[in-house]
Structures are given as structure tokens and as C-alpha cells.
């Protein structure tokens, strides 16, 4: 269902001449060791996104990989929040700056 919906959305946007830039999902919890409750589902969705991105040949930004790498480097206590989010899901100021920097890398 997720894959088909994503493919349909990209097709509809491109039909209307809207430039698509696909970003993978980021977080529900910031533990870097894969023990956040939703990590398996987020990884599954991100992998589906990567497959669709490749098949549709659309520009992308793999924010999931960037977030996990950031947590591994900057969350030595393996906290569930407070690194790039204020609650494990919604970005704090540092998280917004991080996403902006990741997006700027994509468009340079």
C-alpha cells in the first residue's frame, strides 16, 4: 500500500510538472542502536522509498541515514530524544538546522 501510494503520488506530481525531491522518513525516537520501538517499520518504509526513488529516477535526500549517522556520532548516552528532536519525533532547533543543512547539500 505504501509503495503504490508513493508511486502514484510521484506520478501525479510529475504529470503536473512539479519537481519531486523525495526524502526518507526520519525518526520516532533517537536511540542510535535500532531499539526505538518504530525503527523496524521506519527502516522498512525507508527501504521502500529508496526502491521507488531508484525506479522513478527522482532526486532524493536519505534523511533516515543522515539522522542515524548523526545520532551515532552525537548521542553517546543513546537517549530517546533531545538530540535532534524535543520528543523523539518533532525536530528541535538543532534538528531543523540539521535538516536545512542536509537539504542544502542536495541542492548545491
PDB file of N, CA and C in Angstrom:
ATOM      1  N   UNK A   1       0.821  -1.194   0.000  1.00  0.00           N
ATOM      2  CA  UNK A   1       0.000   0.000   0.000  1.00  0.00           C
ATOM      3  C   UNK A   1       0.872   1.268   0.000  1.00  0.00           C
ATOM      4  N   UNK A   2       1.869   1.312   0.892  1.00  0.00           N
ATOM      5  CA  UNK A   2       2.746   2.481   0.968  1.00  0.00           C
ATOM      6  C   UNK A   2       3.475   2.689  -0.359  1.00  0.00           C
ATOM      7  N   UNK A   3       4.035   1.619  -0.916  1.00  0.00           N
ATOM      8  CA  UNK A   3       4.786   1.721  -2.167  1.00  0.00           C
ATOM      9  C   UNK A   3       3.897   2.230  -3.294  1.00  0.00           C
ATOM     10  N   UNK A   4       2.737   1.651  -3.447  1.00  0.00           N
ATOM     11  CA  UNK A   4       1.819   2.049  -4.517  1.00  0.00           C
ATOM     12  C   UNK A   4       1.379   3.496  -4.334  1.00  0.00           C
ATOM     13  N   UNK A   5       1.071   3.889  -3.117  1.00  0.00           N
ATOM     14  CA  UNK A   5       0.661   5.277  -2.849  1.00  0.00           C
ATOM     15  C   UNK A   5       1.781   6.257  -3.183  1.00  0.00           C
ATOM     16  N   UNK A   6       3.006   5.904  -2.826  1.00  0.00           N
ATOM     17  CA  UNK A   6       4.149   6.766  -3.117  1.00  0.00           C
ATOM     18  C   UNK A   6       4.375   6.875  -4.619  1.00  0.00           C
ATOM     19  N   UNK A   7       4.313   5.752  -5.314  1.00  0.00           N
ATOM     20  CA  UNK A   7       4.469   5.766  -6.776  1.00  0.00           C
ATOM     21  C   UNK A   7       3.386   6.619  -7.426  1.00  0.00           C
ATOM     22  N   UNK A   8       2.149   6.454  -6.992  1.00  0.00           N
ATOM     23  CA  UNK A   8       1.038   7.240  -7.547  1.00  0.00           C
ATOM     24  C   UNK A   8       1.222   8.733  -7.289  1.00  0.00           C
ATOM     25  N   UNK A   9       1.651   9.075  -6.087  1.00  0.00           N
ATOM     26  CA  UNK A   9       1.865  10.487  -5.750  1.00  0.00           C
ATOM     27  C   UNK A   9       2.946  11.095  -6.643  1.00  0.00           C
ATOM     28  N   UNK A  10       4.052  10.401  -6.794  1.00  0.00           N
ATOM     29  CA  UNK A  10       5.134  10.912  -7.654  1.00  0.00           C
ATOM     30  C   UNK A  10       4.633  11.073  -9.084  1.00  0.00           C
ATOM     31  N   UNK A  11       3.903  10.089  -9.584  1.00  0.00           N
ATOM     32  CA  UNK A  11       3.361  10.174 -10.944  1.00  0.00           C
ATOM     33  C   UNK A  11       2.430  11.373 -11.102  1.00  0.00           C
ATOM     34  N   UNK A  12       1.550  11.588 -10.131  1.00  0.00           N
ATOM     35  CA  UNK A  12       0.620  12.723 -10.205  1.00  0.00           C
ATOM     36  C   UNK A  12       1.358  14.051 -10.184  1.00  0.00           C
ATOM     37  N   UNK A  13       2.343  14.184  -9.330  1.00  0.00           N
ATOM     38  CA  UNK A  13       3.105  15.426  -9.244  1.00  0.00           C
ATOM     39  C   UNK A  13       3.876  15.681 -10.534  1.00  0.00           C
ATOM     40  N   UNK A  14       4.538  14.640 -11.034  1.00  0.00           N
ATOM     41  CA  UNK A  14       5.314  14.804 -12.268  1.00  0.00           C
ATOM     42  C   UNK A  14       4.419  15.102 -13.459  1.00  0.00           C
ATOM     43  N   UNK A  15       3.221  14.535 -13.491  1.00  0.00           N
ATOM     44  CA  UNK A  15       2.265  14.821 -14.566  1.00  0.00           C
ATOM     45  C   UNK A  15       1.913  16.306 -14.594  1.00  0.00           C
ATOM     46  N   UNK A  16       1.887  16.922 -13.415  1.00  0.00           N
ATOM     47  CA  UNK A  16       1.586  18.353 -13.300  1.00  0.00           C
ATOM     48  C   UNK A  16       2.847  19.217 -13.408  1.00  0.00           C
ATOM     49  N   UNK A  17       3.957  18.580 -13.795  1.00  0.00           N
ATOM     50  CA  UNK A  17       5.246  19.271 -13.974  1.00  0.00           C
ATOM     51  C   UNK A  17       5.792  19.838 -12.661  1.00  0.00           C
ATOM     52  N   UNK A  18       5.507  19.152 -11.563  1.00  0.00           N
ATOM     53  CA  UNK A  18       6.020  19.542 -10.250  1.00  0.00           C
ATOM     54  C   UNK A  18       7.277  18.726  -9.975  1.00  0.00           C
ATOM     55  N   UNK A  19       8.381  19.411  -9.678  1.00  0.00           N
ATOM     56  CA  UNK A  19       9.646  18.740  -9.391  1.00  0.00           C
ATOM     57  C   UNK A  19       9.564  18.015  -8.053  1.00  0.00           C
ATOM     58  N   UNK A  20       9.794  16.737  -8.068  1.00  0.00           N
ATOM     59  CA  UNK A  20       9.751  15.907  -6.863  1.00  0.00           C
ATOM     60  C   UNK A  20      11.156  15.746  -6.310  1.00  0.00           C
ATOM     61  N   UNK A  21      11.301  15.958  -5.022  1.00  0.00           N
ATOM     62  CA  UNK A  21      12.512  15.615  -4.289  1.00  0.00           C
ATOM     63  C   UNK A  21      12.035  14.773  -3.109  1.00  0.00           C
ATOM     64  N   UNK A  22      12.348  13.501  -3.128  1.00  0.00           N
ATOM     65  CA  UNK A  22      11.867  12.570  -2.110  1.00  0.00           C
ATOM     66  C   UNK A  22      12.856  12.509  -0.947  1.00  0.00           C
ATOM     67  N   UNK A  23      12.326  12.615   0.268  1.00  0.00           N
ATOM     68  CA  UNK A  23      13.137  12.463   1.475  1.00  0.00           C
ATOM     69  C   UNK A  23      12.636  11.246   2.241  1.00  0.00           C
ATOM     70  N   UNK A  24      13.561  10.443   2.727  1.00  0.00           N
ATOM     71  CA  UNK A  24      13.160   9.307   3.546  1.00  0.00           C
ATOM     72  C   UNK A  24      12.688   9.796   4.909  1.00  0.00           C
ATOM     73  N   UNK A  25      11.905   8.956   5.559  1.00  0.00           N
ATOM     74  CA  UNK A  25      11.403   9.255   6.899  1.00  0.00           C
ATOM     75  C   UNK A  25      12.570   9.389   7.866  1.00  0.00           C
ATOM     76  N   UNK A  26      12.363  10.093   8.963  1.00  0.00           N
ATOM     77  CA  UNK A  26      13.485  10.340   9.864  1.00  0.00           C
ATOM     78  C   UNK A  26      13.402   9.552  11.166  1.00  0.00           C
ATOM     79  N   UNK A  27      12.517   9.943  12.086  1.00  0.00           N
ATOM     80  CA  UNK A  27      12.619   9.354  13.424  1.00  0.00           C
ATOM     81  C   UNK A  27      11.312   9.295  14.178  1.00  0.00           C
ATOM     82  N   UNK A  28      11.224   8.305  15.013  1.00  0.00           N
ATOM     83  CA  UNK A  28      10.301   8.247  16.139  1.00  0.00           C
ATOM     84  C   UNK A  28      11.143   7.619  17.249  1.00  0.00           C
ATOM     85  N   UNK A  29      11.917   8.473  17.882  1.00  0.00           N
ATOM     86  CA  UNK A  29      12.911   8.037  18.867  1.00  0.00           C
ATOM     87  C   UNK A  29      14.303   8.240  18.293  1.00  0.00           C
ATOM     88  N   UNK A  30      15.239   8.599  19.155  1.00  0.00           N
ATOM     89  CA  UNK A  30      16.583   8.948  18.673  1.00  0.00           C
ATOM     90  C   UNK A  30      17.684   7.997  19.133  1.00  0.00           C
ATOM     91  N   UNK A  31      17.335   6.868  19.677  1.00  0.00           N
ATOM     92  CA  UNK A  31      18.377   5.911  20.051  1.00  0.00           C
ATOM     93  C   UNK A  31      19.080   5.439  18.783  1.00  0.00           C
ATOM     94  N   UNK A  32      20.408   5.383  18.844  1.00  0.00           N
ATOM     95  CA  UNK A  32      21.191   5.066  17.645  1.00  0.00           C
ATOM     96  C   UNK A  32      21.422   3.581  17.440  1.00  0.00           C
ATOM     97  N   UNK A  33      20.948   2.757  18.364  1.00  0.00           N
ATOM     98  CA  UNK A  33      21.245   1.325  18.276  1.00  0.00           C
ATOM     99  C   UNK A  33      20.103   0.488  17.695  1.00  0.00           C
ATOM    100  N   UNK A  34      19.092   1.156  17.114  1.00  0.00           N
ATOM    101  CA  UNK A  34      17.995   0.433  16.490  1.00  0.00           C
ATOM    102  C   UNK A  34      16.936  -0.066  17.448  1.00  0.00           C
ATOM    103  N   UNK A  35      16.946   0.418  18.690  1.00  0.00           N
ATOM    104  CA  UNK A  35      15.995  -0.074  19.679  1.00  0.00           C
ATOM    105  C   UNK A  35      14.779   0.827  19.884  1.00  0.00           C
ATOM    106  N   UNK A  36      14.671   1.890  19.101  1.00  0.00           N
ATOM    107  CA  UNK A  36      13.440   2.671  19.156  1.00  0.00           C
ATOM    108  C   UNK A  36      12.304   1.764  18.686  1.00  0.00           C
ATOM    109  N   UNK A  37      11.148   1.881  19.296  1.00  0.00           N
ATOM    110  CA  UNK A  37      10.018   0.997  19.024  1.00  0.00           C
ATOM    111  C   UNK A  37       9.685   0.918  17.531  1.00  0.00           C
ATOM    112  N   UNK A  38       9.738   2.043  16.838  1.00  0.00           N
ATOM    113  CA  UNK A  38       9.321   2.080  15.438  1.00  0.00           C
ATOM    114  C   UNK A  38      10.470   1.945  14.440  1.00  0.00           C
ATOM    115  N   UNK A  39      11.681   1.706  14.897  1.00  0.00           N
ATOM    116  CA  UNK A  39      12.819   1.582  13.974  1.00  0.00           C
ATOM    117  C   UNK A  39      12.605   0.534  12.878  1.00  0.00           C
ATOM    118  N   UNK A  40      12.133  -0.652  13.202  1.00  0.00           N
ATOM    119  CA  UNK A  40      11.959  -1.638  12.115  1.00  0.00           C
ATOM    120  C   UNK A  40      11.005  -1.148  11.017  1.00  0.00           C
ATOM    121  N   UNK A  41       9.906  -0.522  11.406  1.00  0.00           N
ATOM    122  CA  UNK A  41       8.934  -0.027  10.427  1.00  0.00           C
ATOM    123  C   UNK A  41       9.523   1.148   9.644  1.00  0.00           C
ATOM    124  N   UNK A  42      10.227   2.047  10.326  1.00  0.00           N
ATOM    125  CA  UNK A  42      10.848   3.179   9.628  1.00  0.00           C
ATOM    126  C   UNK A  42      11.883   2.702   8.626  1.00  0.00           C
ATOM    127  N   UNK A  43      12.664   1.703   9.004  1.00  0.00           N
ATOM    128  CA  UNK A  43      13.656   1.151   8.075  1.00  0.00           C
ATOM    129  C   UNK A  43      12.971   0.486   6.882  1.00  0.00           C
ATOM    130  N   UNK A  44      11.874  -0.204   7.144  1.00  0.00           N
ATOM    131  CA  UNK A  44      11.121  -0.842   6.062  1.00  0.00           C
ATOM    132  C   UNK A  44      10.576   0.214   5.092  1.00  0.00           C
ATOM    133  N   UNK A  45       9.970   1.263   5.633  1.00  0.00           N
ATOM    134  CA  UNK A  45       9.452   2.340   4.781  1.00  0.00           C
ATOM    135  C   UNK A  45      10.575   3.034   4.015  1.00  0.00           C
ATOM    136  N   UNK A  46      11.685   3.308   4.698  1.00  0.00           N
ATOM    137  CA  UNK A  46      12.813   3.968   4.035  1.00  0.00           C
ATOM    138  C   UNK A  46      13.339   3.120   2.889  1.00  0.00           C
ATOM    139  N   UNK A  47      13.403   1.809   3.077  1.00  0.00           N
ATOM    140  CA  UNK A  47      13.885   0.935   2.006  1.00  0.00           C
ATOM    141  C   UNK A  47      12.915   0.933   0.826  1.00  0.00           C
ATOM    142  N   UNK A  48      11.630   0.941   1.103  1.00  0.00           N
ATOM    143  CA  UNK A  48      10.637   1.048   0.021  1.00  0.00           C
ATOM    144  C   UNK A  48      10.821   2.374  -0.709  1.00  0.00           C
ATOM    145  N   UNK A  49      11.010   3.443   0.039  1.00  0.00           N
ATOM    146  CA  UNK A  49      11.242   4.744  -0.583  1.00  0.00           C
ATOM    147  C   UNK A  49      12.471   4.702  -1.485  1.00  0.00           C
ATOM    148  N   UNK A  50      13.553   4.108  -1.005  1.00  0.00           N
ATOM    149  CA  UNK A  50      14.780   4.025  -1.807  1.00  0.00           C
ATOM    150  C   UNK A  50      14.534   3.261  -3.111  1.00  0.00           C
ATOM    151  N   UNK A  51      13.747   2.200  -3.047  1.00  0.00           N
ATOM    152  CA  UNK A  51      13.426   1.425  -4.251  1.00  0.00           C
ATOM    153  C   UNK A  51      12.614   2.255  -5.242  1.00  0.00           C
ATOM    154  N   UNK A  52      11.613   2.971  -4.739  1.00  0.00           N
ATOM    155  CA  UNK A  52      10.771   3.805  -5.595  1.00  0.00           C
ATOM    156  C   UNK A  52      11.594   4.946  -6.190  1.00  0.00           C
ATOM    157  N   UNK A  53      12.431   5.563  -5.375  1.00  0.00           N
ATOM    158  CA  UNK A  53      13.301   6.650  -5.834  1.00  0.00           C
ATOM    159  C   UNK A  53      14.158   6.174  -7.001  1.00  0.00           C
ATOM    160  N   UNK A  54      14.744   4.998  -6.850  1.00  0.00           N
ATOM    161  CA  UNK A  54      15.598   4.450  -7.903  1.00  0.00           C
ATOM    162  C   UNK A  54      14.783   4.142  -9.165  1.00  0.00           C
ATOM    163  N   UNK A  55      13.642   3.500  -8.992  1.00  0.00           N
ATOM    164  CA  UNK A  55      12.808   3.127 -10.139  1.00  0.00           C
ATOM    165  C   UNK A  55      12.253   4.347 -10.874  1.00  0.00           C
ATOM    166  N   UNK A  56      11.884   5.375 -10.124  1.00  0.00           N
ATOM    167  CA  UNK A  56      11.295   6.585 -10.716  1.00  0.00           C
ATOM    168  C   UNK A  56      12.363   7.603 -11.113  1.00  0.00           C
ATOM    169  N   UNK A  57      13.598   7.364 -10.690  1.00  0.00           N
ATOM    170  CA  UNK A  57      14.710   8.259 -11.003  1.00  0.00           C
ATOM    171  C   UNK A  57      14.417   9.700 -10.582  1.00  0.00           C
ATOM    172  N   UNK A  58      14.008   9.854  -9.319  1.00  0.00           N
ATOM    173  CA  UNK A  58      13.750  11.188  -8.790  1.00  0.00           C
ATOM    174  C   UNK A  58      14.866  11.582  -7.833  1.00  0.00           C
ATOM    175  N   UNK A  59      15.155  12.870  -7.739  1.00  0.00           N
ATOM    176  CA  UNK A  59      16.149  13.326  -6.764  1.00  0.00           C
ATOM    177  C   UNK A  59      15.677  12.963  -5.352  1.00  0.00           C
ATOM    178  N   UNK A  60      16.631  12.688  -4.478  1.00  0.00           N
ATOM    179  CA  UNK A  60      16.255  12.307  -3.123  1.00  0.00           C
ATOM    180  C   UNK A  60      17.282  12.761  -2.112  1.00  0.00           C
ATOM    181  N   UNK A  61      16.837  12.719  -0.867  1.00  0.00           N
ATOM    182  CA  UNK A  61      17.709  13.000   0.265  1.00  0.00           C
ATOM    183  C   UNK A  61      17.405  11.934   1.306  1.00  0.00           C
ATOM    184  N   UNK A  62      18.365  11.098   1.592  1.00  0.00           N
ATOM    185  CA  UNK A  62      18.157   9.999   2.536  1.00  0.00           C
ATOM    186  C   UNK A  62      18.349  10.515   3.959  1.00  0.00           C
ATOM    187  N   UNK A  63      17.328  11.217   4.443  1.00  0.00           N
ATOM    188  CA  UNK A  63      17.397  11.788   5.783  1.00  0.00           C
ATOM    189  C   UNK A  63      17.472  10.713   6.862  1.00  0.00           C
ATOM    190  N   UNK A  64      16.874   9.561   6.631  1.00  0.00           N
ATOM    191  CA  UNK A  64      16.939   8.483   7.632  1.00  0.00           C
ATOM    192  C   UNK A  64      18.391   8.108   7.896  1.00  0.00           C
ATOM    193  N   UNK A  65      19.155   7.889   6.829  1.00  0.00           N
ATOM    194  CA  UNK A  65      20.571   7.536   7.010  1.00  0.00           C
ATOM    195  C   UNK A  65      21.337   8.675   7.679  1.00  0.00           C
ATOM    196  N   UNK A  66      21.042   9.905   7.303  1.00  0.00           N
ATOM    197  CA  UNK A  66      21.733  11.055   7.887  1.00  0.00           C
ATOM    198  C   UNK A  66      21.430  11.180   9.375  1.00  0.00           C
ATOM    199  N   UNK A  67      20.159  10.999   9.754  1.00  0.00           N
ATOM    200  CA  UNK A  67      19.787  11.079  11.163  1.00  0.00           C
ATOM    201  C   UNK A  67      20.481   9.988  11.972  1.00  0.00           C
ATOM    202  N   UNK A  68      20.439   8.750  11.491  1.00  0.00           N
ATOM    203  CA  UNK A  68      21.060   7.638  12.228  1.00  0.00           C
ATOM    204  C   UNK A  68      22.557   7.885  12.396  1.00  0.00           C
ATOM    205  N   UNK A  69      23.220   8.347  11.340  1.00  0.00           N
ATOM    206  CA  UNK A  69      24.652   8.635  11.433  1.00  0.00           C
ATOM    207  C   UNK A  69      24.917   9.752  12.450  1.00  0.00           C
ATOM    208  N   UNK A  70      24.076  10.773  12.452  1.00  0.00           N
ATOM    209  CA  UNK A  70      24.237  11.874  13.406  1.00  0.00           C
ATOM    210  C   UNK A  70      24.077  11.363  14.840  1.00  0.00           C
ATOM    211  N   UNK A  71      23.053  10.533  15.069  1.00  0.00           N
ATOM    212  CA  UNK A  71      22.856  10.007  16.423  1.00  0.00           C
ATOM    213  C   UNK A  71      24.035   9.163  16.870  1.00  0.00           C
ATOM    214  N   UNK A  72      24.558   8.357  15.981  1.00  0.00           N
ATOM    215  CA  UNK A  72      25.705   7.512  16.349  1.00  0.00           C
ATOM    216  C   UNK A  72      26.892   8.363  16.765  1.00  0.00           C
ATOM    217  N   UNK A  73      27.065   9.507  16.117  1.00  0.00           N
ATOM    218  CA  UNK A  73      28.198  10.387  16.411  1.00  0.00           C
ATOM    219  C   UNK A  73      27.929  11.339  17.577  1.00  0.00           C
ATOM    220  N   UNK A  74      26.654  11.636  17.856  1.00  0.00           N
ATOM    221  CA  UNK A  74      26.341  12.713  18.794  1.00  0.00           C
ATOM    222  C   UNK A  74      25.390  12.336  19.932  1.00  0.00           C
ATOM    223  N   UNK A  75      25.114  11.068  20.099  1.00  0.00           N
ATOM    224  CA  UNK A  75      24.221  10.628  21.167  1.00  0.00           C
ATOM    225  C   UNK A  75      24.895   9.491  21.952  1.00  0.00           C
ATOM    226  N   UNK A  76      25.990   9.781  22.642  1.00  0.00           N
ATOM    227  CA  UNK A  76      26.743   8.722  23.320  1.00  0.00           C
ATOM    228  C   UNK A  76      25.943   8.011  24.419  1.00  0.00           C
ATOM    229  N   UNK A  77      24.947   8.679  24.992  1.00  0.00           N
ATOM    230  CA  UNK A  77      24.141   8.073  26.047  1.00  0.00           C
ATOM    231  C   UNK A  77      22.922   7.333  25.491  1.00  0.00           C
ATOM    232  N   UNK A  78      22.783   7.323  24.153  1.00  0.00           N
ATOM    233  CA  UNK A  78      21.695   6.606  23.478  1.00  0.00           C
ATOM    234  C   UNK A  78      20.317   7.050  23.985  1.00  0.00           C
ATOM    235  N   UNK A  79      20.169   8.379  24.166  1.00  0.00           N
ATOM    236  CA  UNK A  79      18.914   8.941  24.657  1.00  0.00           C
ATOM    237  C   UNK A  79      17.833   8.839  23.573  1.00  0.00           C
ATOM    238  N   UNK A  80      16.586   8.749  23.999  1.00  0.00           N
ATOM    239  CA  UNK A  80      15.463   8.629  23.082  1.00  0.00           C
ATOM    240  C   UNK A  80      15.008   9.937  22.470  1.00  0.00           C
ATOM    241  N   UNK A  81      15.458  11.063  23.033  1.00  0.00           N
ATOM    242  CA  UNK A  81      15.101  12.382  22.496  1.00  0.00           C
ATOM    243  C   UNK A  81      16.078  13.421  23.016  1.00  0.00           C
ATOM    244  N   UNK A  82      15.948  14.638  22.488  1.00  0.00           N
ATOM    245  CA  UNK A  82      16.780  15.739  22.943  1.00  0.00           C
ATOM    246  C   UNK A  82      18.028  15.964  22.105  1.00  0.00           C
ATOM    247  N   UNK A  83      18.215  15.188  21.064  1.00  0.00           N
ATOM    248  CA  UNK A  83      19.385  15.356  20.202  1.00  0.00           C
ATOM    249  C   UNK A  83      18.996  16.218  19.000  1.00  0.00           C
ATOM    250  N   UNK A  84      18.131  15.714  18.147  1.00  0.00           N
ATOM    251  CA  UNK A  84      17.608  16.480  17.009  1.00  0.00           C
ATOM    252  C   UNK A  84      16.104  16.723  17.143  1.00  0.00           C
ATOM    253  N   UNK A  85      15.508  16.148  18.182  1.00  0.00           N
ATOM    254  CA  UNK A  85      14.078  16.335  18.434  1.00  0.00           C
ATOM    255  C   UNK A  85      13.862  16.716  19.889  1.00  0.00           C
ATOM    256  N   UNK A  86      12.688  17.273  20.168  1.00  0.00           N
ATOM    257  CA  UNK A  86      12.382  17.557  21.569  1.00  0.00           C
ATOM    258  C   UNK A  86      11.562  16.434  22.199  1.00  0.00           C
ATOM    259  N   UNK A  87      11.035  15.517  21.350  1.00  0.00           N
ATOM    260  CA  UNK A  87      10.215  14.431  21.889  1.00  0.00           C
ATOM    261  C   UNK A  87      10.449  13.090  21.181  1.00  0.00           C
ATOM    262  N   UNK A  88      11.521  12.990  20.425  1.00  0.00           N
ATOM    263  CA  UNK A  88      11.802  11.777  19.671  1.00  0.00           C
ATOM    264  C   UNK A  88      11.240  11.796  18.269  1.00  0.00           C
ATOM    265  N   UNK A  89      10.369  12.752  17.972  1.00  0.00           N
ATOM    266  CA  UNK A  89       9.718  12.815  16.668  1.00  0.00           C
ATOM    267  C   UNK A  89       9.793  14.204  16.044  1.00  0.00           C
ATOM    268  N   UNK A  90       9.421  15.227  16.781  1.00  0.00           N
ATOM    269  CA  UNK A  90       9.357  16.590  16.244  1.00  0.00           C
ATOM    270  C   UNK A  90      10.696  17.297  16.435  1.00  0.00           C
ATOM    271  N   UNK A  91      11.189  17.868  15.371  1.00  0.00           N
ATOM    272  CA  UNK A  91      12.527  18.464  15.378  1.00  0.00           C
ATOM    273  C   UNK A  91      12.608  19.658  16.319  1.00  0.00           C
ATOM    274  N   UNK A  92      13.706  19.727  17.044  1.00  0.00           N
ATOM    275  CA  UNK A  92      14.029  20.915  17.829  1.00  0.00           C
ATOM    276  C   UNK A  92      14.824  21.862  16.926  1.00  0.00           C
ATOM    277  N   UNK A  93      15.343  22.960  17.467  1.00  0.00           N
ATOM    278  CA  UNK A  93      16.093  23.916  16.639  1.00  0.00           C
ATOM    279  C   UNK A  93      17.289  23.250  15.963  1.00  0.00           C
ATOM    280  N   UNK A  94      18.027  22.438  16.702  1.00  0.00           N
ATOM    281  CA  UNK A  94      19.181  21.742  16.132  1.00  0.00           C
ATOM    282  C   UNK A  94      18.730  20.818  14.999  1.00  0.00           C
ATOM    283  N   UNK A  95      17.609  20.131  15.192  1.00  0.00           N
ATOM    284  CA  UNK A  95      17.072  19.241  14.166  1.00  0.00           C
ATOM    285  C   UNK A  95      16.685  19.998  12.903  1.00  0.00           C
ATOM    286  N   UNK A  96      16.047  21.152  13.077  1.00  0.00           N
ATOM    287  CA  UNK A  96      15.660  21.956  11.904  1.00  0.00           C
ATOM    288  C   UNK A  96      16.895  22.457  11.162  1.00  0.00           C
ATOM    289  N   UNK A  97      17.915  22.874  11.902  1.00  0.00           N
ATOM    290  CA  UNK A  97      19.155  23.320  11.268  1.00  0.00           C
ATOM    291  C   UNK A  97      19.839  22.157  10.549  1.00  0.00           C
ATOM    292  N   UNK A  98      19.793  20.973  11.153  1.00  0.00           N
ATOM    293  CA  UNK A  98      20.396  19.790  10.548  1.00  0.00           C
ATOM    294  C   UNK A  98      19.696  19.444   9.234  1.00  0.00           C
ATOM    295  N   UNK A  99      18.369  19.423   9.246  1.00  0.00           N
ATOM    296  CA  UNK A  99      17.614  19.111   8.025  1.00  0.00           C
ATOM    297  C   UNK A  99      17.876  20.171   6.961  1.00  0.00           C
ATOM    298  N   UNK A 100      17.900  21.441   7.349  1.00  0.00           N
ATOM    299  CA  UNK A 100      18.182  22.506   6.378  1.00  0.00           C
ATOM    300  C   UNK A 100      19.556  22.303   5.744  1.00  0.00           C
ATOM    301  N   UNK A 101      20.548  21.980   6.551  1.00  0.00           N
ATOM    302  CA  UNK A 101      21.901  21.747   6.025  1.00  0.00           C
ATOM    303  C   UNK A 101      21.921  20.539   5.092  1.00  0.00           C
ATOM    304  N   UNK A 102      21.216  19.464   5.468  1.00  0.00           N
ATOM    305  CA  UNK A 102      21.154  18.273   4.609  1.00  0.00           C
ATOM    306  C   UNK A 102      20.467  18.596   3.280  1.00  0.00           C
ATOM    307  N   UNK A 103      19.422  19.404   3.322  1.00  0.00           N
ATOM    308  CA  UNK A 103      18.721  19.777   2.088  1.00  0.00           C
ATOM    309  C   UNK A 103      19.605  20.672   1.219  1.00  0.00           C
ATOM    310  N   UNK A 104      20.327  21.589   1.835  1.00  0.00           N
ATOM    311  CA  UNK A 104      21.216  22.474   1.069  1.00  0.00           C
ATOM    312  C   UNK A 104      22.312  21.667   0.369  1.00  0.00           C
ATOM    313  N   UNK A 105      22.814  20.615   1.017  1.00  0.00           N
ATOM    314  CA  UNK A 105      23.810  19.750   0.368  1.00  0.00           C
ATOM    315  C   UNK A 105      23.236  19.167  -0.917  1.00  0.00           C
ATOM    316  N   UNK A 106      21.978  18.824  -0.882  1.00  0.00           N
ATOM    317  CA  UNK A 106      21.317  18.186  -2.042  1.00  0.00           C
ATOM    318  C   UNK A 106      21.177  19.164  -3.213  1.00  0.00           C
ATOM    319  N   UNK A 107      21.010  20.442  -2.906  1.00  0.00           N
ATOM    320  CA  UNK A 107      20.736  21.422  -3.956  1.00  0.00           C
ATOM    321  C   UNK A 107      21.949  22.218  -4.395  1.00  0.00           C
ATOM    322  N   UNK A 108      23.123  21.914  -3.859  1.00  0.00           N
ATOM    323  CA  UNK A 108      24.327  22.636  -4.281  1.00  0.00           C
ATOM    324  C   UNK A 108      24.882  22.024  -5.544  1.00  0.00           C
TER     325      UNK A 108
END
